């Protein structure tokens, strides 16, 4: 985000933007950590779901609801919280949620600030 785009918005905009940047860095680092810890399957899941919001627009054709679902922030949160609280022990599901959440947060940082 350029200085000109942030000028006139006050300190609150800078603090929010810095918070989103920190969240993006944390989620990305956590996804890399989990991918390195559990191997190729988890890495593939994280990368595939990182690309999901971008690919959904190309695959969906004219169906806007598919793009809206892919860009919904609630779904990765439900995946991450549900995995953490449930007895499911399949790490690719968790890293898929991390990859998806990372992509949505990075998109927010880059687009809107």
N, C-alpha and C. Protein backbone atom coordinates (compact mmCIF):
# COMPACT_ATOMS: atom_id res chain seq x y z
N UNK A 1 0.84 -1.16 0.00
CA UNK A 1 0.00 0.00 0.00
C UNK A 1 0.89 1.22 0.00
N UNK A 2 0.59 2.15 -0.85
CA UNK A 2 1.41 3.33 -0.98
C UNK A 2 1.09 4.34 0.12
N UNK A 3 2.03 5.24 0.33
CA UNK A 3 1.84 6.27 1.34
C UNK A 3 0.71 7.19 0.93
N UNK A 4 0.58 7.47 -0.37
CA UNK A 4 -0.48 8.35 -0.86
C UNK A 4 -1.86 7.75 -0.58
N UNK A 5 -1.98 6.44 -0.69
CA UNK A 5 -3.27 5.79 -0.45
C UNK A 5 -3.64 5.85 1.02
N UNK A 6 -2.66 5.82 1.91
CA UNK A 6 -2.94 5.83 3.35
C UNK A 6 -3.03 7.25 3.91
N UNK A 7 -2.55 8.25 3.17
CA UNK A 7 -2.54 9.62 3.65
C UNK A 7 -3.97 10.11 3.87
N UNK A 8 -4.20 10.77 4.95
CA UNK A 8 -5.50 11.32 5.24
C UNK A 8 -6.44 10.35 5.93
N UNK A 9 -6.04 9.13 6.15
CA UNK A 9 -6.91 8.16 6.81
C UNK A 9 -6.66 8.09 8.31
N UNK A 10 -5.57 8.65 8.78
CA UNK A 10 -5.28 8.64 10.20
C UNK A 10 -4.49 7.42 10.63
N UNK A 11 -4.14 7.40 11.93
CA UNK A 11 -3.34 6.32 12.47
C UNK A 11 -4.10 5.01 12.53
N UNK A 12 -5.40 5.09 12.68
CA UNK A 12 -6.20 3.87 12.77
C UNK A 12 -6.07 2.99 11.55
N UNK A 13 -6.01 3.61 10.36
CA UNK A 13 -5.86 2.84 9.12
C UNK A 13 -4.50 2.17 9.08
N UNK A 14 -3.48 2.85 9.54
CA UNK A 14 -2.14 2.26 9.57
C UNK A 14 -2.07 1.07 10.53
N UNK A 15 -2.69 1.23 11.69
CA UNK A 15 -2.66 0.17 12.70
C UNK A 15 -3.42 -1.05 12.19
N UNK A 16 -4.60 -0.83 11.58
CA UNK A 16 -5.37 -1.95 11.01
C UNK A 16 -4.58 -2.66 9.93
N UNK A 17 -3.97 -1.89 9.04
CA UNK A 17 -3.19 -2.47 7.95
C UNK A 17 -2.02 -3.28 8.50
N UNK A 18 -1.33 -2.74 9.51
CA UNK A 18 -0.21 -3.46 10.12
C UNK A 18 -0.69 -4.75 10.78
N UNK A 19 -1.88 -4.71 11.39
CA UNK A 19 -2.44 -5.92 11.98
C UNK A 19 -2.73 -6.99 10.94
N UNK A 20 -3.28 -6.59 9.80
CA UNK A 20 -3.54 -7.55 8.72
C UNK A 20 -2.24 -8.11 8.16
N UNK A 21 -1.21 -7.28 8.06
CA UNK A 21 0.10 -7.75 7.58
C UNK A 21 0.67 -8.78 8.55
N UNK A 22 0.59 -8.49 9.84
CA UNK A 22 1.08 -9.44 10.84
C UNK A 22 0.30 -10.75 10.81
N UNK A 23 -1.02 -10.67 10.65
CA UNK A 23 -1.83 -11.89 10.56
C UNK A 23 -1.47 -12.70 9.33
N UNK A 24 -1.25 -12.03 8.21
CA UNK A 24 -0.85 -12.74 6.98
C UNK A 24 0.50 -13.43 7.17
N UNK A 25 1.44 -12.75 7.80
CA UNK A 25 2.74 -13.36 8.06
C UNK A 25 2.64 -14.55 8.99
N UNK A 26 1.83 -14.42 10.05
CA UNK A 26 1.66 -15.52 10.99
C UNK A 26 1.03 -16.73 10.32
N UNK A 27 -0.07 -16.52 9.58
CA UNK A 27 -0.75 -17.64 8.92
C UNK A 27 0.15 -18.30 7.88
N UNK A 28 0.88 -17.50 7.12
CA UNK A 28 1.80 -18.06 6.13
C UNK A 28 2.91 -18.86 6.77
N UNK A 29 3.49 -18.33 7.83
CA UNK A 29 4.57 -19.05 8.53
C UNK A 29 4.04 -20.34 9.17
N UNK A 30 2.84 -20.28 9.71
CA UNK A 30 2.25 -21.47 10.33
C UNK A 30 1.97 -22.54 9.26
N UNK A 31 1.50 -22.12 8.09
CA UNK A 31 1.25 -23.07 7.00
C UNK A 31 2.55 -23.71 6.53
N UNK A 32 3.60 -22.93 6.43
CA UNK A 32 4.91 -23.47 6.02
C UNK A 32 5.42 -24.44 7.09
N UNK A 33 5.28 -24.08 8.35
CA UNK A 33 5.71 -24.95 9.43
C UNK A 33 4.99 -26.29 9.39
N UNK A 34 3.66 -26.24 9.27
CA UNK A 34 2.88 -27.48 9.23
C UNK A 34 3.20 -28.30 7.98
N UNK A 35 3.43 -27.64 6.87
CA UNK A 35 3.77 -28.34 5.64
C UNK A 35 5.12 -29.04 5.76
N UNK A 36 6.08 -28.38 6.35
CA UNK A 36 7.40 -28.99 6.54
C UNK A 36 7.33 -30.14 7.55
N UNK A 37 6.48 -30.00 8.52
CA UNK A 37 6.37 -31.01 9.57
C UNK A 37 5.71 -32.29 9.07
N UNK A 38 4.68 -32.17 8.22
CA UNK A 38 3.90 -33.34 7.83
C UNK A 38 4.11 -33.81 6.40
N UNK A 39 4.86 -33.09 5.60
CA UNK A 39 5.24 -33.63 4.30
C UNK A 39 4.48 -33.11 3.10
N UNK A 40 4.60 -33.87 2.02
CA UNK A 40 4.15 -33.45 0.70
C UNK A 40 2.63 -33.30 0.60
N UNK A 41 1.88 -34.17 1.22
CA UNK A 41 0.42 -34.10 1.14
C UNK A 41 -0.10 -32.80 1.75
N UNK A 42 0.44 -32.43 2.88
CA UNK A 42 0.00 -31.19 3.52
C UNK A 42 0.45 -29.97 2.72
N UNK A 43 1.63 -30.05 2.12
CA UNK A 43 2.10 -28.94 1.28
C UNK A 43 1.18 -28.77 0.08
N UNK A 44 0.80 -29.87 -0.55
CA UNK A 44 -0.10 -29.80 -1.70
C UNK A 44 -1.45 -29.22 -1.30
N UNK A 45 -1.96 -29.61 -0.14
CA UNK A 45 -3.25 -29.08 0.32
C UNK A 45 -3.16 -27.59 0.59
N UNK A 46 -2.09 -27.14 1.22
CA UNK A 46 -1.93 -25.72 1.51
C UNK A 46 -1.82 -24.90 0.23
N UNK A 47 -1.04 -25.37 -0.73
CA UNK A 47 -0.87 -24.64 -1.99
C UNK A 47 -2.17 -24.65 -2.78
N UNK A 48 -2.85 -25.78 -2.85
CA UNK A 48 -4.10 -25.87 -3.61
C UNK A 48 -5.17 -24.93 -3.04
N UNK A 49 -5.29 -24.89 -1.73
CA UNK A 49 -6.31 -24.03 -1.14
C UNK A 49 -5.85 -22.58 -1.06
N UNK A 50 -4.55 -22.31 -1.16
CA UNK A 50 -4.08 -20.94 -1.30
C UNK A 50 -4.53 -20.39 -2.65
N UNK A 51 -4.51 -21.24 -3.67
CA UNK A 51 -4.89 -20.82 -5.02
C UNK A 51 -6.39 -20.89 -5.27
N UNK A 52 -7.15 -21.50 -4.37
CA UNK A 52 -8.58 -21.72 -4.57
C UNK A 52 -9.37 -20.46 -4.89
N UNK A 53 -9.25 -19.37 -4.15
CA UNK A 53 -10.05 -18.18 -4.48
C UNK A 53 -9.77 -17.64 -5.88
N UNK A 54 -8.53 -17.72 -6.33
CA UNK A 54 -8.21 -17.23 -7.67
C UNK A 54 -8.73 -18.16 -8.76
N UNK A 55 -8.60 -19.45 -8.54
CA UNK A 55 -9.03 -20.42 -9.54
C UNK A 55 -10.55 -20.54 -9.62
N UNK A 56 -11.24 -20.22 -8.54
CA UNK A 56 -12.70 -20.36 -8.55
C UNK A 56 -13.34 -19.43 -9.57
N UNK A 57 -12.78 -18.26 -9.77
CA UNK A 57 -13.32 -17.32 -10.75
C UNK A 57 -13.17 -17.83 -12.17
N UNK A 58 -12.11 -18.54 -12.44
CA UNK A 58 -11.88 -19.07 -13.77
C UNK A 58 -12.71 -20.33 -14.03
N UNK A 59 -12.87 -21.16 -13.02
CA UNK A 59 -13.60 -22.42 -13.17
C UNK A 59 -15.12 -22.19 -13.12
N UNK A 60 -15.56 -21.20 -12.36
CA UNK A 60 -16.99 -21.02 -12.11
C UNK A 60 -17.76 -20.57 -13.34
N UNK A 61 -17.10 -20.04 -14.33
CA UNK A 61 -17.83 -19.53 -15.48
C UNK A 61 -18.54 -18.24 -15.11
N UNK A 62 -19.86 -18.25 -15.07
CA UNK A 62 -20.61 -17.06 -14.72
C UNK A 62 -21.28 -17.16 -13.37
N UNK A 63 -20.96 -18.17 -12.61
CA UNK A 63 -21.62 -18.38 -11.31
C UNK A 63 -20.92 -17.59 -10.21
N UNK A 64 -21.50 -16.48 -9.86
CA UNK A 64 -20.89 -15.60 -8.86
C UNK A 64 -20.93 -16.19 -7.47
N UNK A 65 -21.90 -17.04 -7.18
CA UNK A 65 -22.00 -17.59 -5.83
C UNK A 65 -20.81 -18.48 -5.51
N UNK A 66 -20.23 -19.14 -6.52
CA UNK A 66 -19.05 -19.98 -6.28
C UNK A 66 -17.86 -19.10 -5.88
N UNK A 67 -17.71 -17.99 -6.58
CA UNK A 67 -16.62 -17.05 -6.25
C UNK A 67 -16.86 -16.46 -4.86
N UNK A 68 -18.11 -16.15 -4.54
CA UNK A 68 -18.43 -15.59 -3.21
C UNK A 68 -18.12 -16.59 -2.11
N UNK A 69 -18.42 -17.85 -2.34
CA UNK A 69 -18.13 -18.89 -1.34
C UNK A 69 -16.62 -19.05 -1.18
N UNK A 70 -15.89 -19.04 -2.29
CA UNK A 70 -14.43 -19.21 -2.23
C UNK A 70 -13.75 -18.04 -1.53
N UNK A 71 -14.36 -16.86 -1.58
CA UNK A 71 -13.78 -15.69 -0.94
C UNK A 71 -14.39 -15.39 0.42
N UNK A 72 -15.18 -16.32 0.93
CA UNK A 72 -15.78 -16.15 2.25
C UNK A 72 -14.75 -16.49 3.33
N UNK A 73 -14.60 -15.63 4.28
CA UNK A 73 -13.63 -15.87 5.33
C UNK A 73 -14.10 -16.83 6.40
N UNK A 74 -15.38 -17.11 6.45
CA UNK A 74 -15.91 -17.99 7.48
C UNK A 74 -15.53 -19.44 7.27
N UNK A 75 -15.44 -19.86 6.03
CA UNK A 75 -15.18 -21.27 5.77
C UNK A 75 -13.80 -21.70 6.28
N UNK A 76 -12.72 -20.98 5.98
CA UNK A 76 -11.43 -21.42 6.55
C UNK A 76 -11.40 -21.33 8.08
N UNK A 77 -12.11 -20.38 8.64
CA UNK A 77 -12.16 -20.28 10.10
C UNK A 77 -12.87 -21.50 10.69
N UNK A 78 -13.98 -21.91 10.07
CA UNK A 78 -14.70 -23.10 10.53
C UNK A 78 -13.82 -24.34 10.39
N UNK A 79 -13.08 -24.42 9.29
CA UNK A 79 -12.18 -25.56 9.09
C UNK A 79 -11.12 -25.60 10.19
N UNK A 80 -10.48 -24.46 10.45
CA UNK A 80 -9.40 -24.42 11.44
C UNK A 80 -9.92 -24.68 12.86
N UNK A 81 -11.01 -24.05 13.24
CA UNK A 81 -11.55 -24.24 14.59
C UNK A 81 -12.13 -25.65 14.73
N UNK A 82 -12.86 -26.09 13.72
CA UNK A 82 -13.43 -27.43 13.77
C UNK A 82 -12.37 -28.51 13.87
N UNK A 83 -11.29 -28.36 13.10
CA UNK A 83 -10.20 -29.33 13.17
C UNK A 83 -9.54 -29.31 14.55
N UNK A 84 -9.35 -28.12 15.07
CA UNK A 84 -8.68 -28.00 16.38
C UNK A 84 -9.50 -28.58 17.51
N UNK A 85 -10.81 -28.51 17.42
CA UNK A 85 -11.67 -28.98 18.51
C UNK A 85 -12.18 -30.41 18.32
N UNK A 86 -11.98 -30.97 17.14
CA UNK A 86 -12.51 -32.31 16.88
C UNK A 86 -11.41 -33.37 17.02
N UNK A 87 -11.81 -34.64 17.07
CA UNK A 87 -10.82 -35.71 17.16
C UNK A 87 -10.21 -36.09 15.80
N UNK A 88 -10.52 -35.35 14.75
CA UNK A 88 -9.97 -35.64 13.42
C UNK A 88 -8.46 -35.45 13.46
N UNK A 89 -7.74 -36.42 12.90
CA UNK A 89 -6.28 -36.33 12.87
C UNK A 89 -5.80 -36.49 11.43
N UNK A 90 -6.11 -35.50 10.60
CA UNK A 90 -5.67 -35.51 9.21
C UNK A 90 -5.08 -34.15 8.89
N UNK A 91 -3.76 -33.97 9.05
CA UNK A 91 -3.11 -32.66 8.90
C UNK A 91 -3.36 -31.93 7.58
N UNK A 92 -3.55 -32.62 6.43
CA UNK A 92 -3.81 -31.85 5.20
C UNK A 92 -5.07 -30.97 5.29
N UNK A 93 -6.05 -31.38 6.06
CA UNK A 93 -7.25 -30.56 6.23
C UNK A 93 -6.91 -29.25 6.94
N UNK A 94 -6.10 -29.34 7.98
CA UNK A 94 -5.71 -28.14 8.72
C UNK A 94 -4.86 -27.20 7.86
N UNK A 95 -3.89 -27.75 7.13
CA UNK A 95 -3.06 -26.88 6.29
C UNK A 95 -3.85 -26.31 5.12
N UNK A 96 -4.87 -27.02 4.67
CA UNK A 96 -5.74 -26.45 3.63
C UNK A 96 -6.45 -25.21 4.17
N UNK A 97 -6.94 -25.30 5.39
CA UNK A 97 -7.57 -24.14 6.02
C UNK A 97 -6.58 -22.99 6.22
N UNK A 98 -5.36 -23.33 6.60
CA UNK A 98 -4.33 -22.29 6.76
C UNK A 98 -4.00 -21.62 5.43
N UNK A 99 -3.86 -22.43 4.38
CA UNK A 99 -3.56 -21.86 3.07
C UNK A 99 -4.68 -20.96 2.57
N UNK A 100 -5.91 -21.39 2.76
CA UNK A 100 -7.07 -20.61 2.32
C UNK A 100 -7.15 -19.30 3.11
N UNK A 101 -7.00 -19.37 4.42
CA UNK A 101 -7.05 -18.16 5.25
C UNK A 101 -5.91 -17.21 4.91
N UNK A 102 -4.73 -17.75 4.65
CA UNK A 102 -3.59 -16.92 4.28
C UNK A 102 -3.89 -16.15 3.00
N UNK A 103 -4.45 -16.83 2.01
CA UNK A 103 -4.75 -16.17 0.73
C UNK A 103 -5.77 -15.05 0.90
N UNK A 104 -6.78 -15.28 1.71
CA UNK A 104 -7.80 -14.24 1.91
C UNK A 104 -7.22 -13.03 2.63
N UNK A 105 -6.37 -13.27 3.62
CA UNK A 105 -5.76 -12.15 4.36
C UNK A 105 -4.77 -11.40 3.48
N UNK A 106 -3.96 -12.13 2.71
CA UNK A 106 -3.02 -11.47 1.79
C UNK A 106 -3.79 -10.63 0.77
N UNK A 107 -4.89 -11.16 0.26
CA UNK A 107 -5.71 -10.39 -0.67
C UNK A 107 -6.24 -9.13 -0.06
N UNK A 108 -6.62 -9.18 1.19
CA UNK A 108 -7.12 -7.98 1.87
C UNK A 108 -6.01 -6.95 2.05
N UNK A 109 -4.82 -7.41 2.40
CA UNK A 109 -3.69 -6.50 2.59
C UNK A 109 -3.33 -5.82 1.27
N UNK A 110 -3.28 -6.58 0.20
CA UNK A 110 -2.84 -6.05 -1.08
C UNK A 110 -3.91 -5.13 -1.70
N UNK A 111 -5.17 -5.53 -1.63
CA UNK A 111 -6.24 -4.77 -2.29
C UNK A 111 -6.67 -3.54 -1.51
N UNK A 112 -7.02 -3.72 -0.26
CA UNK A 112 -7.69 -2.65 0.45
C UNK A 112 -6.87 -1.95 1.51
N UNK A 113 -5.97 -2.69 2.12
CA UNK A 113 -5.17 -2.07 3.15
C UNK A 113 -5.84 -1.97 4.46
